């Protein structure tokens, strides 16, 4: 028999698992939902009850899970599967580390795999909350029994993950039973010995919350050493087309996925082989080499003929890209290819490395882009009044500053397979990095948008939202479709259609620079 131990996330109790536990029991499994200390768990507790016991921290919650593991009998060869949602993954992994020999599988439900020495605070999606608590953690005064107030509305829950698919009555109950989260549980670092590293693990990604297997594969391909464990064949993945609370939005489908995970099913990531990763494959156009000038984090590709000053196109790479990734983005074939193509077409191609290494780094990256633009416009070989900005992938959010208040010298903004609204699990909902909102200030600024027909659904949604907003405000947006193109098609889909789209987009951008 399989025994599932279901651990809830921040602010929530065992009640969130009611339908999932019942579904597992109906399939012949045993299910125990954990009530973590101080987080209530019944209709009698919630917002006005379940206050944190003195000194409640992460170790307290790890002990809660360990006690439940120890209470489960060892007879009948039963397998114990730990399921952690959201914050719940931290006590799950801590307990698995202490009872590794008892655990048959760990399931991460729409959450990342915590790391040794890192507090749960690092996984809090609401950036404002995270920054406030980081400041609090840096103070000398002890946290004591302080708590983080629970969300008090459906809109407030959105800061912690997409509520897509959750029925209104279930969301009301979630709010009614929510309990304040003891600060010590978020600020205390997780301590692991590595004992559970060999336990098979399954990740269940909720696509409406901004996660997908394809996206994880892409990030792993960038070479972050901390993520290489995900290509282990003991690690499997499933997707659910719902928001962050599948136990409330689609409990039946969640039960099916959990049972399939126990059976060893699920998709595996593709490990690195001798073949170059997708982003390091050759650019789809065969172009002659163009010497580049490097100044700090900025490279200039100058036209080989004619006399300046020349117009300039600044190419802004996507992200987040791990800080340790080598080569850095400006040396990736896509960026060097576009830089050379621009120079061959008679304008200065500009590439740069910016500091979008984490989801929290957009402000720093925006500073880097602005500084690069200032550097380029100050160069006497550049026509400072004829500049275009061209954004790629996750760098699309950085276009918001320029769309919202375009300066007179900015002749065009282009975006290739961009993310144009923060994904729900990024915690950027209230930030300035929202091109879907900023486009209302674009006025007559030409915008050229390259849309990949085979785009990841979670990114395609943001493009559709942007185009709807642009249509509503009458923004001047030209769409260039690549029907059979994937995200990053310049190195993934070297087809005639892809090559034609690159040439057409460059021609469109240059037409706005030279008119």
Protein backbone atom coordinates (compact mmCIF):
# COMPACT_ATOMS: atom_id res chain seq x y z
CA UNK A 1 0.00 0.00 0.00
CA UNK A 2 1.08 3.54 -0.71
CA UNK A 3 0.74 6.15 2.02
CA UNK A 4 0.62 9.78 0.92
CA UNK A 5 1.57 12.48 3.40
CA UNK A 6 0.19 15.77 2.10
CA UNK A 7 1.83 18.95 3.38
CA UNK A 8 0.14 22.32 2.71
CA UNK A 9 1.76 25.61 1.85
CA UNK A 10 1.90 28.98 3.57
CA UNK A 11 -1.17 30.15 5.54
CA UNK A 12 -3.07 26.92 4.90
CA UNK A 13 -4.01 23.81 6.84
CA UNK A 14 -4.96 20.23 6.11
CA UNK A 15 -8.38 21.32 4.80
CA UNK A 16 -6.91 22.19 1.38
CA UNK A 17 -6.30 18.47 0.81
CA UNK A 18 -9.82 17.23 1.64
CA UNK A 19 -10.84 16.27 -1.92
CA UNK A 20 -7.39 15.00 -2.87
CA UNK A 21 -7.17 12.78 0.21
CA UNK A 22 -10.64 11.40 -0.45
CA UNK A 23 -9.75 10.68 -4.07
CA UNK A 24 -6.57 8.85 -3.10
CA UNK A 25 -8.47 6.79 -0.52
CA UNK A 26 -11.04 5.86 -3.17
CA UNK A 27 -8.18 4.47 -5.27
CA UNK A 28 -6.99 2.26 -2.41
CA UNK A 29 -4.20 4.47 -1.09
CA UNK A 30 -3.82 5.85 2.41
CA UNK A 31 -3.66 9.65 2.73
CA UNK A 32 -2.73 11.83 5.68
CA UNK A 33 -2.94 15.61 5.44
CA UNK A 34 -0.61 17.45 7.80
CA UNK A 35 -1.63 20.37 9.96
CA UNK A 36 1.56 22.32 10.54
CA UNK A 37 1.94 23.95 13.94
CA UNK A 38 0.19 27.30 14.11
CA UNK A 39 -1.60 27.02 10.77
CA UNK A 40 -5.01 25.80 11.92
CA UNK A 41 -6.58 23.15 9.77
CA UNK A 42 -10.26 23.04 10.66
CA UNK A 43 -13.42 25.11 10.32
CA UNK A 44 -13.00 26.10 13.94
CA UNK A 45 -9.66 27.76 13.36
CA UNK A 46 -8.39 29.99 10.56
CA UNK A 47 -8.15 33.75 10.62
CA UNK A 48 -9.13 34.06 14.30
CA UNK A 49 -7.42 30.94 15.56
CA UNK A 50 -4.43 28.66 15.17
CA UNK A 51 -1.98 31.28 16.43
CA UNK A 52 1.65 30.27 16.27
CA UNK A 53 3.09 28.48 19.26
CA UNK A 54 6.02 30.36 20.81
CA UNK A 55 9.19 29.84 18.81
CA UNK A 56 7.51 28.21 15.80
CA UNK A 57 10.05 27.98 12.99
CA UNK A 58 10.94 25.73 10.07
CA UNK A 59 12.37 23.05 12.37
CA UNK A 60 9.01 22.98 14.18
CA UNK A 61 7.25 22.16 10.91
CA UNK A 62 9.88 19.60 9.93
CA UNK A 63 9.24 17.89 13.26
CA UNK A 64 5.49 17.89 12.50
CA UNK A 65 6.11 15.91 9.30
CA UNK A 66 8.67 13.60 10.92
CA UNK A 67 6.15 12.69 13.66
CA UNK A 68 3.58 11.74 11.04
CA UNK A 69 6.14 9.64 9.15
CA UNK A 70 7.02 7.83 12.37
CA UNK A 71 3.35 7.23 13.15
CA UNK A 72 2.82 5.38 9.86
CA UNK A 73 3.38 1.67 10.36
CA UNK A 74 6.11 -0.19 8.52
CA UNK A 75 4.08 -3.33 8.00
CA UNK A 76 2.74 -4.51 4.65
CA UNK A 77 5.73 -3.00 2.84
CA UNK A 78 3.92 0.30 2.49
CA UNK A 79 5.61 3.09 0.55
CA UNK A 80 5.52 6.61 1.94
CA UNK A 81 5.18 9.43 -0.58
CA UNK A 82 5.70 12.99 0.68
CA UNK A 83 3.80 15.68 -1.24
CA UNK A 84 4.71 19.32 -0.59
CA UNK A 85 2.86 22.31 -1.95
CA UNK A 86 4.41 25.77 -1.98
CA UNK A 87 6.14 26.47 1.36
CA UNK A 88 5.28 22.90 2.37
CA UNK A 89 8.21 21.62 0.31
CA UNK A 90 10.63 22.95 2.92
CA UNK A 91 9.34 20.82 5.80
CA UNK A 92 8.87 17.93 3.35
CA UNK A 93 12.50 17.99 2.24
CA UNK A 94 13.72 18.53 5.80
CA UNK A 95 11.71 15.53 6.99
CA UNK A 96 12.83 13.39 4.04
CA UNK A 97 16.44 14.22 4.91
CA UNK A 98 15.88 12.91 8.43
CA UNK A 99 13.90 9.81 7.41
CA UNK A 100 15.30 9.08 3.95
CA UNK A 101 15.09 5.32 4.41
CA UNK A 102 11.33 5.49 4.88
CA UNK A 103 10.50 7.65 1.86
CA UNK A 104 9.72 6.10 -1.53
CA UNK A 105 9.13 9.35 -3.42
CA UNK A 106 8.99 13.12 -2.97
CA UNK A 107 6.47 15.15 -4.97
CA UNK A 108 7.00 18.90 -5.47
CA UNK A 109 3.61 20.41 -6.22
CA UNK A 110 4.07 23.59 -8.28
CA UNK A 111 7.16 24.58 -6.37
CA UNK A 112 10.90 24.36 -6.77
CA UNK A 113 13.23 22.04 -4.90
CA UNK A 114 14.61 23.87 -1.85
CA UNK A 115 18.36 24.05 -1.35
CA UNK A 116 20.50 23.50 1.69
CA UNK A 117 21.11 26.66 3.69
CA UNK A 118 18.42 28.67 1.90
CA UNK A 119 15.34 29.86 3.83
CA UNK A 120 11.81 29.52 2.47
CA UNK A 121 11.80 33.30 2.09
CA UNK A 122 13.76 32.84 -1.17
CA UNK A 123 10.76 31.06 -2.69
CA UNK A 124 8.16 33.66 -1.70
CA UNK A 125 6.73 34.84 -5.05
CA UNK A 126 5.44 38.21 -3.83
CA UNK A 127 8.50 40.42 -4.30
CA UNK A 128 7.29 43.20 -2.05
CA UNK A 129 6.77 40.74 0.80
CA UNK A 130 10.13 39.11 0.14
CA UNK A 131 12.01 42.42 0.24
CA UNK A 132 10.23 43.49 3.41
CA UNK A 133 11.08 40.23 5.14
CA UNK A 134 14.68 40.35 3.95
CA UNK A 135 14.98 43.72 5.65
CA UNK A 136 13.36 42.27 8.75
CA UNK A 137 15.75 39.30 8.71
CA UNK A 138 18.72 41.66 8.56
CA UNK A 139 17.77 43.36 11.80
CA UNK A 140 19.37 42.35 15.07
CA UNK A 141 16.11 42.02 17.01
CA UNK A 142 14.80 38.44 17.23
CA UNK A 143 11.72 37.46 15.26
CA UNK A 144 10.10 35.87 18.30
CA UNK A 145 6.45 35.06 17.69
CA UNK A 146 5.87 37.52 14.86
CA UNK A 147 3.65 36.40 12.00
CA UNK A 148 2.99 37.35 8.39
CA UNK A 149 -0.70 38.26 7.96
CA UNK A 150 -2.68 35.85 5.81
CA UNK A 151 -4.18 36.92 2.46
CA UNK A 152 -7.65 38.38 3.00
CA UNK A 153 -9.10 38.26 -0.53
CA UNK A 154 -8.88 36.44 -3.83
CA UNK A 155 -6.80 39.30 -5.21
CA UNK A 156 -4.42 39.01 -2.27
CA UNK A 157 -3.98 35.27 -2.91
CA UNK A 158 -2.92 36.10 -6.48
CA UNK A 159 0.30 37.53 -5.02
CA UNK A 160 1.16 33.99 -3.90
CA UNK A 161 0.24 32.20 -7.11
CA UNK A 162 -2.42 32.07 -9.78
CA UNK A 163 -5.89 31.16 -8.52
CA UNK A 164 -6.95 30.10 -12.03
CA UNK A 165 -9.52 27.32 -11.90
CA UNK A 166 -10.33 27.63 -8.18
CA UNK A 167 -14.12 27.86 -7.69
CA UNK A 168 -15.31 30.98 -5.92
CA UNK A 169 -16.65 29.05 -2.93
CA UNK A 170 -13.31 27.23 -2.55
CA UNK A 171 -11.43 30.53 -2.69
CA UNK A 172 -13.75 32.00 -0.07
CA UNK A 173 -13.09 29.00 2.18
CA UNK A 174 -9.35 29.27 1.60
CA UNK A 175 -9.51 32.89 2.74
CA UNK A 176 -11.78 32.17 5.70
CA UNK A 177 -9.51 29.42 7.04
CA UNK A 178 -6.19 31.10 6.29
CA UNK A 179 -3.89 31.55 9.27
CA UNK A 180 -0.96 33.94 9.77
CA UNK A 181 2.38 32.41 8.86
CA UNK A 182 5.00 32.39 11.65
CA UNK A 183 7.95 34.46 10.41
CA UNK A 184 10.44 31.97 11.81
CA UNK A 185 9.24 29.38 9.30
CA UNK A 186 10.22 31.66 6.41
CA UNK A 187 13.46 33.06 7.80
CA UNK A 188 15.15 29.97 9.23
CA UNK A 189 17.52 28.35 6.69
CA UNK A 190 16.79 24.77 5.64
CA UNK A 191 19.55 22.42 6.80
CA UNK A 192 20.08 19.26 4.76
CA UNK A 193 22.68 16.50 4.96
CA UNK A 194 22.00 15.17 1.47
CA UNK A 195 20.57 11.91 2.80
CA UNK A 196 17.45 12.25 0.65
CA UNK A 197 19.25 13.12 -2.58
CA UNK A 198 18.74 9.59 -3.92
CA UNK A 199 14.98 9.52 -3.25
CA UNK A 200 13.00 9.57 -6.53
CA UNK A 201 11.35 12.94 -7.05
CA UNK A 202 8.45 14.18 -9.15
CA UNK A 203 7.68 17.79 -10.04
CA UNK A 204 4.07 18.71 -10.84
CA UNK A 205 4.03 22.01 -12.73
CA UNK A 206 0.89 24.13 -13.03
CA UNK A 207 1.03 25.83 -16.41
CA UNK A 208 -1.48 28.58 -15.60
CA UNK A 209 0.91 29.66 -12.86
CA UNK A 210 3.71 30.19 -15.39
CA UNK A 211 5.61 26.90 -15.21
CA UNK A 212 6.04 24.17 -17.81
CA UNK A 213 8.35 21.28 -18.53
CA UNK A 214 9.62 23.02 -21.67
CA UNK A 215 10.52 26.10 -19.66
CA UNK A 216 12.39 24.04 -17.06
CA UNK A 217 14.27 22.25 -19.85
CA UNK A 218 15.24 25.62 -21.32
CA UNK A 219 16.54 26.94 -18.00
CA UNK A 220 18.47 23.74 -17.32
CA UNK A 221 20.04 24.08 -20.77
CA UNK A 222 21.56 27.42 -19.73
CA UNK A 223 23.98 25.48 -17.56
CA UNK A 224 23.14 26.45 -13.97
CA UNK A 225 25.01 23.79 -11.95
CA UNK A 226 22.36 23.94 -9.22
CA UNK A 227 19.74 22.64 -11.67
CA UNK A 228 21.67 19.77 -13.20
CA UNK A 229 20.21 17.33 -10.67
CA UNK A 230 16.89 17.74 -12.49
CA UNK A 231 18.13 15.70 -15.45
CA UNK A 232 18.62 12.65 -13.21
CA UNK A 233 16.38 9.87 -14.50
CA UNK A 234 14.94 9.46 -10.99
CA UNK A 235 13.34 12.88 -11.47
CA UNK A 236 10.07 13.00 -13.41
CA UNK A 237 7.65 15.76 -14.33
CA UNK A 238 3.96 16.24 -14.99
CA UNK A 239 1.95 19.28 -16.03
CA UNK A 240 -1.53 20.33 -14.95
CA UNK A 241 -3.32 23.06 -16.95
CA UNK A 242 -4.41 25.02 -13.90
CA UNK A 243 -3.26 27.59 -11.37
CA UNK A 244 -1.20 27.25 -8.22
CA UNK A 245 -3.83 25.39 -6.15
CA UNK A 246 -4.63 22.19 -8.12
CA UNK A 247 -5.94 20.49 -4.97
CA UNK A 248 -8.76 23.05 -5.10
CA UNK A 249 -9.12 23.56 -8.86
CA UNK A 250 -8.74 19.99 -10.18
CA UNK A 251 -8.37 17.48 -7.33
CA UNK A 252 -9.38 14.54 -9.53
CA UNK A 253 -6.65 15.25 -12.06
CA UNK A 254 -4.16 15.76 -9.22
CA UNK A 255 -5.03 12.35 -7.78
CA UNK A 256 -4.39 10.77 -11.17
CA UNK A 257 -1.01 12.48 -11.47
CA UNK A 258 0.04 11.44 -7.95
CA UNK A 259 -0.81 7.80 -8.66
CA UNK A 260 1.04 7.91 -11.97
CA UNK A 261 4.06 9.40 -10.22
CA UNK A 262 4.10 6.50 -7.76
CA UNK A 263 4.01 4.13 -10.73
CA UNK A 264 7.21 5.72 -12.05
CA UNK A 265 5.57 7.56 -14.91
CA UNK A 266 6.20 11.13 -16.01
CA UNK A 267 8.42 12.97 -18.44
CA UNK A 268 12.17 13.20 -17.97
CA UNK A 269 14.35 16.11 -18.92
CA UNK A 270 16.91 15.63 -21.64
CA UNK A 271 20.42 15.48 -20.17
CA UNK A 272 23.26 17.38 -21.75
CA UNK A 273 25.05 15.41 -24.45
CA UNK A 274 27.86 16.13 -26.85
CA UNK A 275 25.42 18.25 -28.87
CA UNK A 276 25.47 21.96 -28.20
CA UNK A 277 22.52 23.30 -26.18
CA UNK A 278 19.85 25.04 -28.23
CA UNK A 279 20.95 28.60 -27.44
CA UNK A 280 24.54 27.87 -28.55
CA UNK A 281 23.74 26.35 -31.94
CA UNK A 282 24.65 28.34 -35.07
CA UNK A 283 22.67 31.41 -36.09
CA UNK A 284 20.35 30.59 -38.97
CA UNK A 285 21.94 33.10 -41.39
CA UNK A 286 25.40 32.56 -42.83
CA UNK A 287 27.04 35.94 -42.30
CA UNK A 288 30.61 37.15 -42.72
CA UNK A 289 32.53 38.01 -39.61
CA UNK A 290 32.31 41.63 -38.47
CA UNK A 291 34.89 42.93 -35.98
CA UNK A 292 33.35 44.18 -32.77
CA UNK A 293 34.48 46.72 -30.25
CA UNK A 294 34.07 45.77 -26.61
CA UNK A 295 33.60 48.39 -23.89
CA UNK A 296 32.75 46.92 -20.51
CA UNK A 297 29.53 44.96 -20.87
CA UNK A 298 28.71 46.47 -24.31
CA UNK A 299 29.80 45.34 -27.80
CA UNK A 300 29.53 47.48 -30.94
CA UNK A 301 29.30 46.05 -34.45
CA UNK A 302 30.11 48.89 -36.85
CA UNK A 303 29.11 48.97 -40.53
CA UNK A 304 32.06 47.97 -42.75
CA UNK A 305 31.20 50.63 -45.33
CA UNK A 306 30.04 54.22 -45.43
CA UNK A 307 30.59 57.06 -43.02
CA UNK A 308 28.85 57.77 -39.76
CA UNK A 309 27.14 58.78 -37.75
CA UNK A 310 24.98 55.67 -38.16
CA UNK A 311 21.64 54.71 -36.64
CA UNK A 312 21.90 52.01 -33.98
CA UNK A 313 19.94 48.97 -32.87
CA UNK A 314 20.44 47.82 -29.27
CA UNK A 315 19.71 44.10 -28.82
CA UNK A 316 18.56 43.16 -25.31
CA UNK A 317 18.84 39.49 -24.38
CA UNK A 318 16.35 37.55 -22.30
CA UNK A 319 16.58 35.92 -18.94
CA UNK A 320 16.93 35.18 -16.18
CA UNK A 321 20.35 33.83 -17.14
CA UNK A 322 22.48 32.33 -14.35
CA UNK A 323 25.34 34.64 -13.40
CA UNK A 324 27.80 31.77 -13.89
CA UNK A 325 26.58 30.92 -17.41
CA UNK A 326 29.38 30.85 -19.98
CA UNK A 327 29.52 32.12 -22.59
CA UNK A 328 27.55 35.16 -21.51
CA UNK A 329 24.55 36.19 -23.65
CA UNK A 330 26.30 38.76 -25.83
CA UNK A 331 28.49 35.90 -27.10
CA UNK A 332 25.55 33.65 -27.90
CA UNK A 333 25.10 33.02 -31.63
CA UNK A 334 21.70 34.75 -31.75
CA UNK A 335 23.05 38.02 -30.37
CA UNK A 336 26.29 37.98 -32.36
CA UNK A 337 24.27 37.07 -35.45
CA UNK A 338 21.90 39.99 -35.07
CA UNK A 339 24.79 42.34 -34.30
CA UNK A 340 26.58 41.36 -37.50
CA UNK A 341 23.38 41.49 -39.56
CA UNK A 342 22.68 45.03 -38.37
CA UNK A 343 26.19 46.17 -39.27
CA UNK A 344 25.95 44.59 -42.71
CA UNK A 345 22.68 46.47 -43.22
CA UNK A 346 24.39 49.79 -42.49
CA UNK A 347 23.59 50.46 -38.82
CA UNK A 348 25.48 49.94 -35.59
CA UNK A 349 24.54 46.67 -33.91
CA UNK A 350 24.81 46.81 -30.13
CA UNK A 351 24.77 43.84 -27.77
CA UNK A 352 25.23 43.85 -24.02
CA UNK A 353 25.25 41.67 -20.93
CA UNK A 354 22.77 42.83 -18.32
CA UNK A 355 22.22 41.52 -14.81
CA UNK A 356 18.91 39.71 -15.15
CA UNK A 357 20.18 36.65 -13.27
CA UNK A 358 17.15 36.15 -11.01
CA UNK A 359 13.48 37.08 -11.26
CA UNK A 360 14.21 39.79 -8.71
CA UNK A 361 16.82 41.47 -10.95
CA UNK A 362 14.66 43.38 -13.44
CA UNK A 363 15.44 46.77 -11.91
CA UNK A 364 19.20 46.13 -12.10
CA UNK A 365 18.89 44.85 -15.65
CA UNK A 366 16.89 47.94 -16.63
CA UNK A 367 19.69 50.11 -15.26
CA UNK A 368 22.20 48.20 -17.38
CA UNK A 369 20.12 48.67 -20.53
CA UNK A 370 19.69 52.39 -19.87
CA UNK A 371 23.43 52.79 -19.26
CA UNK A 372 24.23 50.93 -22.49
CA UNK A 373 21.89 53.18 -24.43
CA UNK A 374 23.54 56.27 -22.95
CA UNK A 375 26.97 54.89 -23.87
CA UNK A 376 25.90 54.21 -27.44
CA UNK A 377 24.21 57.58 -27.94
CA UNK A 378 27.35 59.34 -26.67
CA UNK A 379 29.51 57.62 -29.30
CA UNK A 380 30.27 60.09 -32.12
CA UNK A 381 29.87 57.30 -34.69
CA UNK A 382 26.22 56.88 -33.69
CA UNK A 383 23.35 59.12 -34.72
CA UNK A 384 22.02 59.78 -31.23
CA UNK A 385 18.58 60.67 -32.57
CA UNK A 386 18.02 57.41 -34.44
CA UNK A 387 18.09 54.44 -32.08
CA UNK A 388 15.95 51.29 -31.87
CA UNK A 389 15.66 48.79 -29.02
CA UNK A 390 15.09 45.11 -29.77
CA UNK A 391 14.14 42.81 -26.89
CA UNK A 392 14.21 39.01 -26.74
CA UNK A 393 12.37 36.43 -24.64
CA UNK A 394 12.33 37.27 -20.90
CA UNK A 395 14.00 40.59 -21.68
CA UNK A 396 10.62 41.66 -23.05
CA UNK A 397 9.54 42.96 -19.64
CA UNK A 398 12.39 45.50 -19.82
CA UNK A 399 10.61 47.12 -22.78
CA UNK A 400 8.01 48.56 -20.40
CA UNK A 401 10.08 51.62 -19.44
CA UNK A 402 10.58 52.57 -23.08
CA UNK A 403 7.01 51.88 -24.18
CA UNK A 404 5.46 53.83 -21.34
CA UNK A 405 7.37 57.06 -21.98
CA UNK A 406 9.28 56.81 -25.27
CA UNK A 407 11.96 59.47 -25.76
CA UNK A 408 12.04 61.35 -29.05
CA UNK A 409 15.20 59.65 -30.29
CA UNK A 410 13.68 56.17 -29.89
CA UNK A 411 12.45 55.36 -33.39
CA UNK A 412 11.26 51.78 -32.85
CA UNK A 413 10.87 48.99 -30.30
CA UNK A 414 11.08 45.40 -31.52
CA UNK A 415 10.44 42.23 -29.54
CA UNK A 416 11.10 38.63 -30.60
CA UNK A 417 9.17 35.81 -28.86
CA UNK A 418 8.90 38.11 -25.85
CA UNK A 419 7.35 37.74 -22.42
CA UNK A 420 5.17 40.84 -22.22
CA UNK A 421 3.52 40.40 -18.83
CA UNK A 422 5.02 38.90 -15.67
CA UNK A 423 4.22 35.22 -15.29
CA UNK A 424 1.98 34.58 -12.26
CA UNK A 425 4.66 32.80 -10.22
CA UNK A 426 7.17 35.62 -10.70
CA UNK A 427 5.59 37.91 -8.10
CA UNK A 428 5.92 40.99 -10.33
CA UNK A 429 2.23 41.81 -10.61
CA UNK A 430 2.53 45.28 -9.11
CA UNK A 431 5.87 46.21 -10.65
CA UNK A 432 6.58 48.65 -13.45
CA UNK A 433 7.76 45.84 -15.73
CA UNK A 434 4.43 45.26 -17.47
CA UNK A 435 4.55 46.02 -21.22
CA UNK A 436 0.86 45.05 -21.42
CA UNK A 437 0.15 48.15 -19.34
CA UNK A 438 2.98 50.36 -20.58
CA UNK A 439 1.91 50.10 -24.24
CA UNK A 440 -0.89 52.55 -23.49
CA UNK A 441 1.78 55.24 -23.29
CA UNK A 442 3.54 54.29 -26.52
CA UNK A 443 1.70 56.85 -28.64
CA UNK A 444 2.91 56.66 -32.24
CA UNK A 445 6.09 54.72 -31.43
CA UNK A 446 6.38 51.85 -33.97
CA UNK A 447 6.45 48.42 -32.34
CA UNK A 448 7.54 45.32 -34.28
CA UNK A 449 6.55 42.05 -32.61
CA UNK A 450 7.85 38.67 -33.78
CA UNK A 451 5.42 35.92 -32.74
CA UNK A 452 6.54 32.29 -32.63
CA UNK A 453 3.71 30.01 -33.69
CA UNK A 454 4.99 27.15 -31.51
CA UNK A 455 5.54 29.36 -28.48
CA UNK A 456 5.23 28.00 -24.94
CA UNK A 457 1.57 28.53 -23.96
CA UNK A 458 2.38 30.44 -20.78
CA UNK A 459 4.36 32.98 -22.84
CA UNK A 460 1.90 33.08 -25.75
CA UNK A 461 -0.79 34.23 -23.31
CA UNK A 462 1.24 37.34 -22.47
CA UNK A 463 1.66 38.17 -26.16
CA UNK A 464 -2.08 37.86 -26.71
CA UNK A 465 -2.74 40.14 -23.74
CA UNK A 466 -0.29 42.69 -25.11
CA UNK A 467 -1.84 42.70 -28.57
CA UNK A 468 -5.31 43.13 -27.06
CA UNK A 469 -4.10 46.08 -25.01
CA UNK A 470 -2.31 47.58 -28.04
CA UNK A 471 -5.42 47.25 -30.16
CA UNK A 472 -7.52 48.90 -27.48
CA UNK A 473 -5.26 51.95 -27.26
CA UNK A 474 -4.44 52.14 -30.96
CA UNK A 475 -0.70 51.49 -30.63
CA UNK A 476 1.24 51.05 -33.86
CA UNK A 477 2.13 47.34 -33.64
CA UNK A 478 3.31 45.29 -36.61
CA UNK A 479 3.20 41.51 -36.07
CA UNK A 480 5.57 39.23 -37.95
CA UNK A 481 4.47 35.64 -37.53
CA UNK A 482 6.72 32.60 -37.64
CA UNK A 483 4.02 29.87 -37.74
CA UNK A 484 6.38 26.92 -37.38
CA UNK A 485 8.86 28.70 -35.14
CA UNK A 486 9.69 27.80 -31.55
CA UNK A 487 10.93 30.09 -28.81
CA UNK A 488 14.48 31.02 -29.85
CA UNK A 489 13.85 29.86 -33.40
CA UNK A 490 17.03 31.52 -34.73
CA UNK A 491 19.10 28.60 -33.42
CA UNK A 492 16.35 25.98 -33.11
CA UNK A 493 14.48 26.19 -36.43
CA UNK A 494 16.93 27.05 -39.25
CA UNK A 495 14.22 27.00 -41.93
CA UNK A 496 13.64 29.28 -44.89
CA UNK A 497 10.56 30.67 -43.15
CA UNK A 498 12.60 31.50 -40.05
CA UNK A 499 15.32 33.16 -42.14
CA UNK A 500 12.73 35.19 -43.99
CA UNK A 501 11.21 36.39 -40.72
CA UNK A 502 14.61 37.58 -39.45
CA UNK A 503 15.24 39.52 -42.65
CA UNK A 504 11.73 40.99 -42.66
CA UNK A 505 11.97 42.08 -39.05
CA UNK A 506 15.35 43.71 -39.58
CA UNK A 507 14.04 45.51 -42.66
CA UNK A 508 11.04 46.78 -40.74
CA UNK A 509 13.16 48.07 -37.87
CA UNK A 510 15.58 49.77 -40.28
CA UNK A 511 12.72 51.40 -42.17
CA UNK A 512 11.74 53.20 -38.97
CA UNK A 513 15.35 54.19 -38.28
CA UNK A 514 15.99 55.65 -41.69
CA UNK A 515 12.64 57.32 -42.39
